[in-house]
């Protein structure tokens, strides 16, 4: 995943720990 997109997602949903966890899981997945 592109770090910039993850950064924007974290900024947008940083108040929600569940969203942050989902982003972390997605970041660990292979692209595609």
C-alpha atoms as a PDB file:
ATOM      1  CA  UNK A   1       0.000   0.000   0.000  1.00  0.00           C
ATOM      2  CA  UNK A   2       1.061   3.583  -0.536  1.00  0.00           C
ATOM      3  CA  UNK A   3       2.203   5.252   2.720  1.00  0.00           C
ATOM      4  CA  UNK A   4       0.552   8.515   1.711  1.00  0.00           C
ATOM      5  CA  UNK A   5      -2.841   6.845   1.398  1.00  0.00           C
ATOM      6  CA  UNK A   6      -2.430   5.078   4.728  1.00  0.00           C
ATOM      7  CA  UNK A   7      -1.385   8.370   6.315  1.00  0.00           C
ATOM      8  CA  UNK A   8      -4.486  10.118   4.993  1.00  0.00           C
ATOM      9  CA  UNK A   9      -6.683   7.262   6.215  1.00  0.00           C
ATOM     10  CA  UNK A  10      -5.097   7.408   9.663  1.00  0.00           C
ATOM     11  CA  UNK A  11      -5.603  11.177   9.811  1.00  0.00           C
ATOM     12  CA  UNK A  12      -9.232  10.788   8.770  1.00  0.00           C
ATOM     13  CA  UNK A  13     -10.131   7.935  11.111  1.00  0.00           C
ATOM     14  CA  UNK A  14      -7.448   8.289  13.767  1.00  0.00           C
ATOM     15  CA  UNK A  15     -10.121   8.681  16.456  1.00  0.00           C
ATOM     16  CA  UNK A  16     -11.442   5.181  15.827  1.00  0.00           C
ATOM     17  CA  UNK A  17      -9.135   2.410  17.096  1.00  0.00           C
ATOM     18  CA  UNK A  18     -11.048  -0.198  15.100  1.00  0.00           C
ATOM     19  CA  UNK A  19     -10.419   1.678  11.866  1.00  0.00           C
ATOM     20  CA  UNK A  20      -6.767   2.101  12.795  1.00  0.00           C
ATOM     21  CA  UNK A  21      -6.539  -1.660  13.371  1.00  0.00           C
ATOM     22  CA  UNK A  22      -8.166  -2.357  10.001  1.00  0.00           C
ATOM     23  CA  UNK A  23      -5.686  -0.047   8.296  1.00  0.00           C
ATOM     24  CA  UNK A  24      -2.820  -1.882  10.004  1.00  0.00           C
ATOM     25  CA  UNK A  25      -4.208  -5.223   8.800  1.00  0.00           C
ATOM     26  CA  UNK A  26      -4.616  -3.922   5.257  1.00  0.00           C
ATOM     27  CA  UNK A  27      -1.073  -2.562   5.339  1.00  0.00           C
ATOM     28  CA  UNK A  28       0.193  -6.062   6.183  1.00  0.00           C
ATOM     29  CA  UNK A  29      -1.619  -7.684   3.259  1.00  0.00           C
ATOM     30  CA  UNK A  30       0.077  -8.113  -0.112  1.00  0.00           C
ATOM     31  CA  UNK A  31      -1.012  -5.557  -2.722  1.00  0.00           C
ATOM     32  CA  UNK A  32      -3.970  -6.481  -4.883  1.00  0.00           C
END
